[in-house]
PDB file of N, CA and C in Angstrom:
ATOM      1  N   MET A   1      94.733  75.513  90.395  1.00  0.00           N
ATOM      2  CA  MET A   1      94.215  75.959  89.439  1.00  0.00           C
ATOM      3  C   MET A   1      94.861  75.721  87.964  1.00  0.00           C
ATOM      4  N   LYS A   2      93.991  75.649  86.980  1.00  0.00           N
ATOM      5  CA  LYS A   2      94.300  75.381  85.600  1.00  0.00           C
ATOM      6  C   LYS A   2      94.116  76.735  84.751  1.00  0.00           C
ATOM      7  N   PHE A   3      95.442  76.961  84.067  1.00  0.00           N
ATOM      8  CA  PHE A   3      95.450  78.088  83.007  1.00  0.00           C
ATOM      9  C   PHE A   3      95.122  77.828  81.722  1.00  0.00           C
ATOM     10  N   ASN A   4      94.751  78.548  81.018  1.00  0.00           N
ATOM     11  CA  ASN A   4      94.938  78.533  79.432  1.00  0.00           C
ATOM     12  C   ASN A   4      96.370  78.751  79.187  1.00  0.00           C
ATOM     13  N   LYS A   5      96.545  78.013  77.976  1.00  0.00           N
ATOM     14  CA  LYS A   5      97.721  78.499  77.315  1.00  0.00           C
ATOM     15  C   LYS A   5      97.630  79.043  75.827  1.00  0.00           C
ATOM     16  N   PHE A   6      98.629  79.656  75.418  1.00  0.00           N
ATOM     17  CA  PHE A   6      98.891  79.878  74.067  1.00  0.00           C
ATOM     18  C   PHE A   6      99.673  79.560  73.482  1.00  0.00           C
ATOM     19  N   GLU A   7      99.766  78.851  72.554  1.00  0.00           N
ATOM     20  CA  GLU A   7     100.889  78.014  71.793  1.00  0.00           C
ATOM     21  C   GLU A   7     101.562  77.242  72.737  1.00  0.00           C
ATOM     22  N   ASN A   8     101.010  76.565  73.603  1.00  0.00           N
ATOM     23  CA  ASN A   8     101.750  76.187  74.705  1.00  0.00           C
ATOM     24  C   ASN A   8     102.669  76.626  75.728  1.00  0.00           C
ATOM     25  N   SER A   9     102.236  78.040  75.789  1.00  0.00           N
ATOM     26  CA  SER A   9     103.055  78.996  76.614  1.00  0.00           C
ATOM     27  C   SER A   9     102.044  79.599  77.433  1.00  0.00           C
ATOM     28  N   TYR A  10     102.488  80.027  78.895  1.00  0.00           N
ATOM     29  CA  TYR A  10     101.751  80.607  79.847  1.00  0.00           C
ATOM     30  C   TYR A  10     101.478  82.119  79.543  1.00  0.00           C
ATOM     31  N   ASN A  11     102.590  82.556  78.873  1.00  0.00           N
ATOM     32  CA  ASN A  11     102.618  84.048  78.458  1.00  0.00           C
ATOM     33  C   ASN A  11     103.158  84.412  77.414  1.00  0.00           C
ATOM     34  N   ILE A  12     102.958  85.344  76.777  1.00  0.00           N
ATOM     35  CA  ILE A  12     103.518  85.898  75.505  1.00  0.00           C
ATOM     36  C   ILE A  12     104.835  86.615  75.475  1.00  0.00           C
ATOM     37  N   ILE A  13     105.132  87.497  76.856  1.00  0.00           N
ATOM     38  CA  ILE A  13     106.192  88.534  76.921  1.00  0.00           C
ATOM     39  C   ILE A  13     107.385  87.818  77.495  1.00  0.00           C
ATOM     40  N   GLY A  14     107.461  86.595  77.611  1.00  0.00           N
ATOM     41  CA  GLY A  14     108.785  85.941  78.263  1.00  0.00           C
ATOM     42  C   GLY A  14     109.992  86.281  77.375  1.00  0.00           C
ATOM     43  N   ASN A  15     109.661  85.992  76.075  1.00  0.00           N
ATOM     44  CA  ASN A  15     111.216  86.214  74.986  1.00  0.00           C
ATOM     45  C   ASN A  15     111.515  87.597  75.196  1.00  0.00           C
ATOM     46  N   LYS A  16     110.683  88.304  75.027  1.00  0.00           N
ATOM     47  CA  LYS A  16     110.875  89.840  74.777  1.00  0.00           C
ATOM     48  C   LYS A  16     111.321  90.560  76.347  1.00  0.00           C
ATOM     49  N   LEU A  17     110.785  89.573  77.218  1.00  0.00           N
ATOM     50  CA  LEU A  17     111.181  90.249  78.521  1.00  0.00           C
ATOM     51  C   LEU A  17     112.894  90.079  78.886  1.00  0.00           C
ATOM     52  N   LYS A  18     113.089  88.937  78.520  1.00  0.00           N
ATOM     53  CA  LYS A  18     114.272  88.468  78.772  1.00  0.00           C
ATOM     54  C   LYS A  18     115.506  89.157  77.787  1.00  0.00           C
ATOM     55  N   LEU A  19     115.151  89.648  76.235  1.00  0.00           N
ATOM     56  CA  LEU A  19     115.928  90.380  75.819  1.00  0.00           C
ATOM     57  C   LEU A  19     116.030  91.785  76.040  1.00  0.00           C
ATOM     58  N   VAL A  20     114.951  92.440  76.449  1.00  0.00           N
ATOM     59  CA  VAL A  20     114.913  93.854  77.226  1.00  0.00           C
ATOM     60  C   VAL A  20     115.857  93.733  78.682  1.00  0.00           C
ATOM     61  N   ARG A  21     115.715  92.926  79.230  1.00  0.00           N
ATOM     62  CA  ARG A  21     116.227  92.932  80.589  1.00  0.00           C
ATOM     63  C   ARG A  21     117.881  92.677  80.299  1.00  0.00           C
ATOM     64  N   GLU A  22     118.130  91.614  79.566  1.00  0.00           N
ATOM     65  CA  GLU A  22     119.626  91.481  79.224  1.00  0.00           C
ATOM     66  C   GLU A  22     120.146  92.781  78.484  1.00  0.00           C
ATOM     67  N   ASN A  23     119.547  93.274  77.637  1.00  0.00           N
ATOM     68  CA  ASN A  23     119.924  94.418  76.965  1.00  0.00           C
ATOM     69  C   ASN A  23     120.153  95.716  77.881  1.00  0.00           C
ATOM     70  N   GLN A  24     119.500  95.829  78.929  1.00  0.00           N
ATOM     71  CA  GLN A  24     119.816  96.771  79.891  1.00  0.00           C
ATOM     72  C   GLN A  24     120.972  96.357  80.936  1.00  0.00           C
ATOM     73  N   ASN A  25     121.386  95.079  80.736  1.00  0.00           N
ATOM     74  CA  ASN A  25     122.406  94.665  81.524  1.00  0.00           C
ATOM     75  C   ASN A  25     121.957  94.649  82.783  1.00  0.00           C
ATOM     76  N   ILE A  26     120.508  94.099  83.344  1.00  0.00           N
ATOM     77  CA  ILE A  26     119.907  93.788  84.474  1.00  0.00           C
ATOM     78  C   ILE A  26     119.654  92.528  84.822  1.00  0.00           C
ATOM     79  N   SER A  27     120.028  91.880  85.956  1.00  0.00           N
ATOM     80  CA  SER A  27     120.076  90.424  86.086  1.00  0.00           C
ATOM     81  C   SER A  27     118.462  90.215  86.588  1.00  0.00           C
ATOM     82  N   GLN A  28     118.439  88.853  86.679  1.00  0.00           N
ATOM     83  CA  GLN A  28     116.884  88.642  87.078  1.00  0.00           C
ATOM     84  C   GLN A  28     116.704  89.107  88.571  1.00  0.00           C
ATOM     85  N   GLU A  29     117.644  88.734  89.466  1.00  0.00           N
ATOM     86  CA  GLU A  29     117.995  89.187  90.929  1.00  0.00           C
ATOM     87  C   GLU A  29     117.665  90.617  91.013  1.00  0.00           C
ATOM     88  N   LYS A  30     118.442  91.535  90.272  1.00  0.00           N
ATOM     89  CA  LYS A  30     118.337  92.828  90.260  1.00  0.00           C
ATOM     90  C   LYS A  30     116.959  93.293  90.005  1.00  0.00           C
ATOM     91  N   LEU A  31     116.123  92.770  88.843  1.00  0.00           N
ATOM     92  CA  LEU A  31     114.996  93.002  88.482  1.00  0.00           C
ATOM     93  C   LEU A  31     113.882  92.731  89.719  1.00  0.00           C
ATOM     94  N   SER A  32     114.159  91.457  90.430  1.00  0.00           N
ATOM     95  CA  SER A  32     113.195  91.124  91.481  1.00  0.00           C
ATOM     96  C   SER A  32     113.504  92.148  92.715  1.00  0.00           C
ATOM     97  N   ASN A  33     114.688  92.491  92.816  1.00  0.00           N
ATOM     98  CA  ASN A  33     115.009  93.497  94.160  1.00  0.00           C
ATOM     99  C   ASN A  33     114.210  94.829  93.563  1.00  0.00           C
ATOM    100  N   GLN A  34     114.355  95.334  92.498  1.00  0.00           N
ATOM    101  CA  GLN A  34     113.754  96.414  91.787  1.00  0.00           C
ATOM    102  C   GLN A  34     112.035  96.359  92.321  1.00  0.00           C
ATOM    103  N   LEU A  35     111.660  95.438  91.724  1.00  0.00           N
ATOM    104  CA  LEU A  35     110.213  95.154  91.953  1.00  0.00           C
ATOM    105  C   LEU A  35     109.890  94.780  93.496  1.00  0.00           C
ATOM    106  N   ALA A  36     110.565  94.487  94.305  1.00  0.00           N
ATOM    107  CA  ALA A  36     110.313  94.544  95.557  1.00  0.00           C
ATOM    108  C   ALA A  36     110.187  96.037  96.299  1.00  0.00           C
ATOM    109  N   LEU A  37     110.928  96.855  95.799  1.00  0.00           N
ATOM    110  CA  LEU A  37     110.697  98.324  96.195  1.00  0.00           C
ATOM    111  C   LEU A  37     109.736  98.721  95.782  1.00  0.00           C
ATOM    112  N   LEU A  38     108.775  98.432  94.683  1.00  0.00           N
ATOM    113  CA  LEU A  38     107.588  98.766  94.428  1.00  0.00           C
ATOM    114  C   LEU A  38     106.305  98.150  95.160  1.00  0.00           C
ATOM    115  N   GLY A  39     106.832  97.045  96.071  1.00  0.00           N
ATOM    116  CA  GLY A  39     105.965  96.076  96.835  1.00  0.00           C
ATOM    117  C   GLY A  39     105.336  95.046  95.936  1.00  0.00           C
ATOM    118  N   ILE A  40     105.992  94.624  94.808  1.00  0.00           N
ATOM    119  CA  ILE A  40     105.882  93.669  94.195  1.00  0.00           C
ATOM    120  C   ILE A  40     106.607  92.416  94.482  1.00  0.00           C
ATOM    121  N   THR A  41     106.334  91.214  94.681  1.00  0.00           N
ATOM    122  CA  THR A  41     107.084  90.011  95.026  1.00  0.00           C
ATOM    123  C   THR A  41     107.208  89.278  94.062  1.00  0.00           C
ATOM    124  N   LEU A  42     108.220  89.155  93.118  1.00  0.00           N
ATOM    125  CA  LEU A  42     108.602  88.302  91.987  1.00  0.00           C
ATOM    126  C   LEU A  42     110.225  87.797  92.505  1.00  0.00           C
ATOM    127  N   TYR A  43     109.931  86.566  92.786  1.00  0.00           N
ATOM    128  CA  TYR A  43     111.424  86.056  92.932  1.00  0.00           C
ATOM    129  C   TYR A  43     112.149  85.755  91.653  1.00  0.00           C
ATOM    130  N   GLN A  44     113.575  85.721  91.895  1.00  0.00           N
ATOM    131  CA  GLN A  44     114.323  85.318  90.596  1.00  0.00           C
ATOM    132  C   GLN A  44     113.807  84.087  89.875  1.00  0.00           C
ATOM    133  N   SER A  45     113.499  83.168  90.560  1.00  0.00           N
ATOM    134  CA  SER A  45     112.728  81.922  89.980  1.00  0.00           C
ATOM    135  C   SER A  45     111.391  82.131  89.177  1.00  0.00           C
ATOM    136  N   ASP A  46     110.723  83.240  89.818  1.00  0.00           N
ATOM    137  CA  ASP A  46     109.519  83.816  89.015  1.00  0.00           C
ATOM    138  C   ASP A  46     109.941  84.218  87.707  1.00  0.00           C
ATOM    139  N   ILE A  47     110.720  84.984  87.624  1.00  0.00           N
ATOM    140  CA  ILE A  47     111.323  85.792  86.373  1.00  0.00           C
ATOM    141  C   ILE A  47     111.591  84.896  85.622  1.00  0.00           C
ATOM    142  N   PHE A  48     112.683  83.754  86.007  1.00  0.00           N
ATOM    143  CA  PHE A  48     113.181  82.890  85.212  1.00  0.00           C
ATOM    144  C   PHE A  48     111.666  81.992  84.447  1.00  0.00           C
ATOM    145  N   LYS A  49     111.025  81.849  85.301  1.00  0.00           N
ATOM    146  CA  LYS A  49     109.650  81.074  84.837  1.00  0.00           C
ATOM    147  C   LYS A  49     108.732  81.739  83.755  1.00  0.00           C
ATOM    148  N   ILE A  50     108.876  83.103  84.281  1.00  0.00           N
ATOM    149  CA  ILE A  50     108.126  83.979  83.091  1.00  0.00           C
ATOM    150  C   ILE A  50     109.004  84.060  81.672  1.00  0.00           C
ATOM    151  N   GLU A  51     110.113  84.273  81.903  1.00  0.00           N
ATOM    152  CA  GLU A  51     110.957  84.311  80.802  1.00  0.00           C
ATOM    153  C   GLU A  51     111.137  82.993  80.015  1.00  0.00           C
ATOM    154  N   HIS A  52     110.747  81.808  80.319  1.00  0.00           N
ATOM    155  CA  HIS A  52     110.606  80.519  79.769  1.00  0.00           C
ATOM    156  C   HIS A  52     109.194  80.317  79.463  1.00  0.00           C
ATOM    157  N   ASN A  53     108.274  81.130  79.688  1.00  0.00           N
ATOM    158  CA  ASN A  53     106.959  80.870  79.222  1.00  0.00           C
ATOM    159  C   ASN A  53     106.386  79.765  80.317  1.00  0.00           C
ATOM    160  N   GLN A  54     106.736  79.722  81.496  1.00  0.00           N
ATOM    161  CA  GLN A  54     105.944  78.477  82.140  1.00  0.00           C
ATOM    162  C   GLN A  54     105.460  79.295  83.570  1.00  0.00           C
ATOM    163  N   ARG A  55     105.295  80.552  83.480  1.00  0.00           N
ATOM    164  CA  ARG A  55     104.236  80.930  84.538  1.00  0.00           C
ATOM    165  C   ARG A  55     103.614  82.214  84.028  1.00  0.00           C
ATOM    166  N   THR A  56     102.391  82.518  84.335  1.00  0.00           N
ATOM    167  CA  THR A  56     101.568  83.700  84.099  1.00  0.00           C
ATOM    168  C   THR A  56     101.917  84.823  84.583  1.00  0.00           C
ATOM    169  N   VAL A  57     101.509  85.942  84.169  1.00  0.00           N
ATOM    170  CA  VAL A  57     102.013  87.194  84.476  1.00  0.00           C
ATOM    171  C   VAL A  57     100.486  88.083  85.157  1.00  0.00           C
ATOM    172  N   ARG A  58     100.692  88.757  86.357  1.00  0.00           N
ATOM    173  CA  ARG A  58      99.489  89.320  86.804  1.00  0.00           C
ATOM    174  C   ARG A  58      99.646  90.642  86.203  1.00  0.00           C
ATOM    175  N   ASP A  59      98.383  91.598  86.092  1.00  0.00           N
ATOM    176  CA  ASP A  59      98.593  92.790  85.552  1.00  0.00           C
ATOM    177  C   ASP A  59      99.495  93.815  86.240  1.00  0.00           C
ATOM    178  N   PHE A  60      99.492  93.744  87.592  1.00  0.00           N
ATOM    179  CA  PHE A  60     100.473  94.370  88.317  1.00  0.00           C
ATOM    180  C   PHE A  60     101.793  94.206  88.499  1.00  0.00           C
ATOM    181  N   GLU A  61     102.265  92.740  88.125  1.00  0.00           N
ATOM    182  CA  GLU A  61     103.383  92.717  87.873  1.00  0.00           C
ATOM    183  C   GLU A  61     104.014  93.201  86.659  1.00  0.00           C
ATOM    184  N   LEU A  62     103.263  93.007  85.452  1.00  0.00           N
ATOM    185  CA  LEU A  62     103.603  93.839  84.319  1.00  0.00           C
ATOM    186  C   LEU A  62     103.700  95.205  84.652  1.00  0.00           C
ATOM    187  N   TRP A  63     102.980  95.967  85.332  1.00  0.00           N
ATOM    188  CA  TRP A  63     103.102  97.141  85.533  1.00  0.00           C
ATOM    189  C   TRP A  63     104.720  97.459  86.235  1.00  0.00           C
ATOM    190  N   GLY A  64     104.722  96.797  86.998  1.00  0.00           N
ATOM    191  CA  GLY A  64     106.144  96.951  87.602  1.00  0.00           C
ATOM    192  C   GLY A  64     107.413  96.677  86.981  1.00  0.00           C
ATOM    193  N   ILE A  65     107.149  95.621  86.140  1.00  0.00           N
ATOM    194  CA  ILE A  65     108.046  95.308  84.934  1.00  0.00           C
ATOM    195  C   ILE A  65     108.307  96.618  84.265  1.00  0.00           C
ATOM    196  N   TYR A  66     107.304  97.076  83.703  1.00  0.00           N
ATOM    197  CA  TYR A  66     107.115  98.391  82.831  1.00  0.00           C
ATOM    198  C   TYR A  66     108.126  99.347  83.614  1.00  0.00           C
ATOM    199  N   SER A  67     107.580  99.660  84.720  1.00  0.00           N
ATOM    200  CA  SER A  67     108.337 100.736  85.548  1.00  0.00           C
ATOM    201  C   SER A  67     109.529 100.512  85.921  1.00  0.00           C
ATOM    202  N   VAL A  68     110.056  99.553  86.201  1.00  0.00           N
ATOM    203  CA  VAL A  68     111.496  99.247  86.508  1.00  0.00           C
ATOM    204  C   VAL A  68     112.533  99.237  85.320  1.00  0.00           C
ATOM    205  N   LEU A  69     111.759  98.664  84.073  1.00  0.00           N
ATOM    206  CA  LEU A  69     112.566  98.528  83.032  1.00  0.00           C
ATOM    207  C   LEU A  69     112.561 100.014  82.127  1.00  0.00           C
ATOM    208  N   LYS A  70     111.700 100.836  82.653  1.00  0.00           N
ATOM    209  CA  LYS A  70     111.339 101.888  81.584  1.00  0.00           C
ATOM    210  C   LYS A  70     111.028 101.917  80.358  1.00  0.00           C
ATOM    211  N   ILE A  71     110.181 100.735  80.374  1.00  0.00           N
ATOM    212  CA  ILE A  71     109.679 100.639  78.752  1.00  0.00           C
ATOM    213  C   ILE A  71     108.015 100.978  78.780  1.00  0.00           C
ATOM    214  N   LYS A  72     107.411 100.901  77.763  1.00  0.00           N
ATOM    215  CA  LYS A  72     106.163 100.881  77.359  1.00  0.00           C
ATOM    216  C   LYS A  72     105.426  99.406  77.393  1.00  0.00           C
ATOM    217  N   ALA A  73     104.275  99.328  77.506  1.00  0.00           N
ATOM    218  CA  ALA A  73     103.579  97.985  77.730  1.00  0.00           C
ATOM    219  C   ALA A  73     103.852  97.167  76.200  1.00  0.00           C
ATOM    220  N   GLU A  74     103.877  97.965  75.339  1.00  0.00           N
ATOM    221  CA  GLU A  74     103.976  97.326  73.781  1.00  0.00           C
ATOM    222  C   GLU A  74     105.278  96.854  73.634  1.00  0.00           C
ATOM    223  N   ASP A  75     106.383  97.314  74.357  1.00  0.00           N
ATOM    224  CA  ASP A  75     107.646  96.534  74.148  1.00  0.00           C
ATOM    225  C   ASP A  75     107.800  95.252  74.482  1.00  0.00           C
ATOM    226  N   LEU A  76     106.766  94.671  75.172  1.00  0.00           N
ATOM    227  CA  LEU A  76     107.025  93.355  75.678  1.00  0.00           C
ATOM    228  C   LEU A  76     106.413  92.419  74.727  1.00  0.00           C
ATOM    229  N   PHE A  77     105.276  92.869  74.040  1.00  0.00           N
ATOM    230  CA  PHE A  77     104.666  91.822  73.232  1.00  0.00           C
ATOM    231  C   PHE A  77     104.914  91.814  71.900  1.00  0.00           C
ATOM    232  N   GLU A  78     104.966  90.473  71.427  1.00  0.00           N
ATOM    233  CA  GLU A  78     105.607  90.394  70.324  1.00  0.00           C
ATOM    234  C   GLU A  78     104.776  90.903  69.102  1.00  0.00           C
ATOM    235  N   PRO A  79     105.424  91.593  68.073  1.00  0.00           N
ATOM    236  CA  PRO A  79     104.614  92.319  67.110  1.00  0.00           C
ATOM    237  C   PRO A  79     104.058  91.322  66.086  1.00  0.00           C
ATOM    238  N   ASP A  80     104.821  90.095  65.884  1.00  0.00           N
ATOM    239  CA  ASP A  80     104.405  89.237  64.644  1.00  0.00           C
ATOM    240  C   ASP A  80     103.868  88.016  65.130  1.00  0.00           C
ATOM    241  N   ILE A  81     102.666  87.872  66.075  1.00  0.00           N
ATOM    242  CA  ILE A  81     101.773  86.895  66.667  1.00  0.00           C
ATOM    243  C   ILE A  81     100.997  86.480  65.406  1.00  0.00           C
ATOM    244  N   LYS A  82     101.066  85.147  65.485  1.00  0.00           N
ATOM    245  CA  LYS A  82     100.641  84.412  64.026  1.00  0.00           C
ATOM    246  C   LYS A  82      99.242  84.480  64.276  1.00  0.00           C
ATOM    247  N   LYS A  83      98.402  84.969  63.184  1.00  0.00           N
ATOM    248  CA  LYS A  83      97.140  85.012  63.132  1.00  0.00           C
ATOM    249  C   LYS A  83      96.395  83.906  62.210  1.00  0.00           C
ATOM    250  N   SER A  84      95.480  83.238  62.517  1.00  0.00           N
ATOM    251  CA  SER A  84      94.980  82.447  61.351  1.00  0.00           C
ATOM    252  C   SER A  84      93.788  83.044  60.345  1.00  0.00           C
ATOM    253  N   ASN A  85      94.133  83.035  59.213  1.00  0.00           N
ATOM    254  CA  ASN A  85      93.336  83.479  58.497  1.00  0.00           C
ATOM    255  C   ASN A  85      92.046  82.745  58.146  1.00  0.00           C
TER     256      ASN A  85
END
């Protein structure tokens, strides 16, 4: 299956996810384990790929990430996305 990319990335939350996760001192493995408790299977390697913009993110995965990290959706989206005029 082919996915569209934005500026050669599969998602736009990866950089912010890594920053927020590290600021909360949560490892990729711990995030994965906490997501599993919600019924969401995201392996440590999946989180690595998301953080390095190499994997898309499903809406229910985003919901789980927000829930585990106790953040709002907008906290992961870059506020300065380049817009063409």
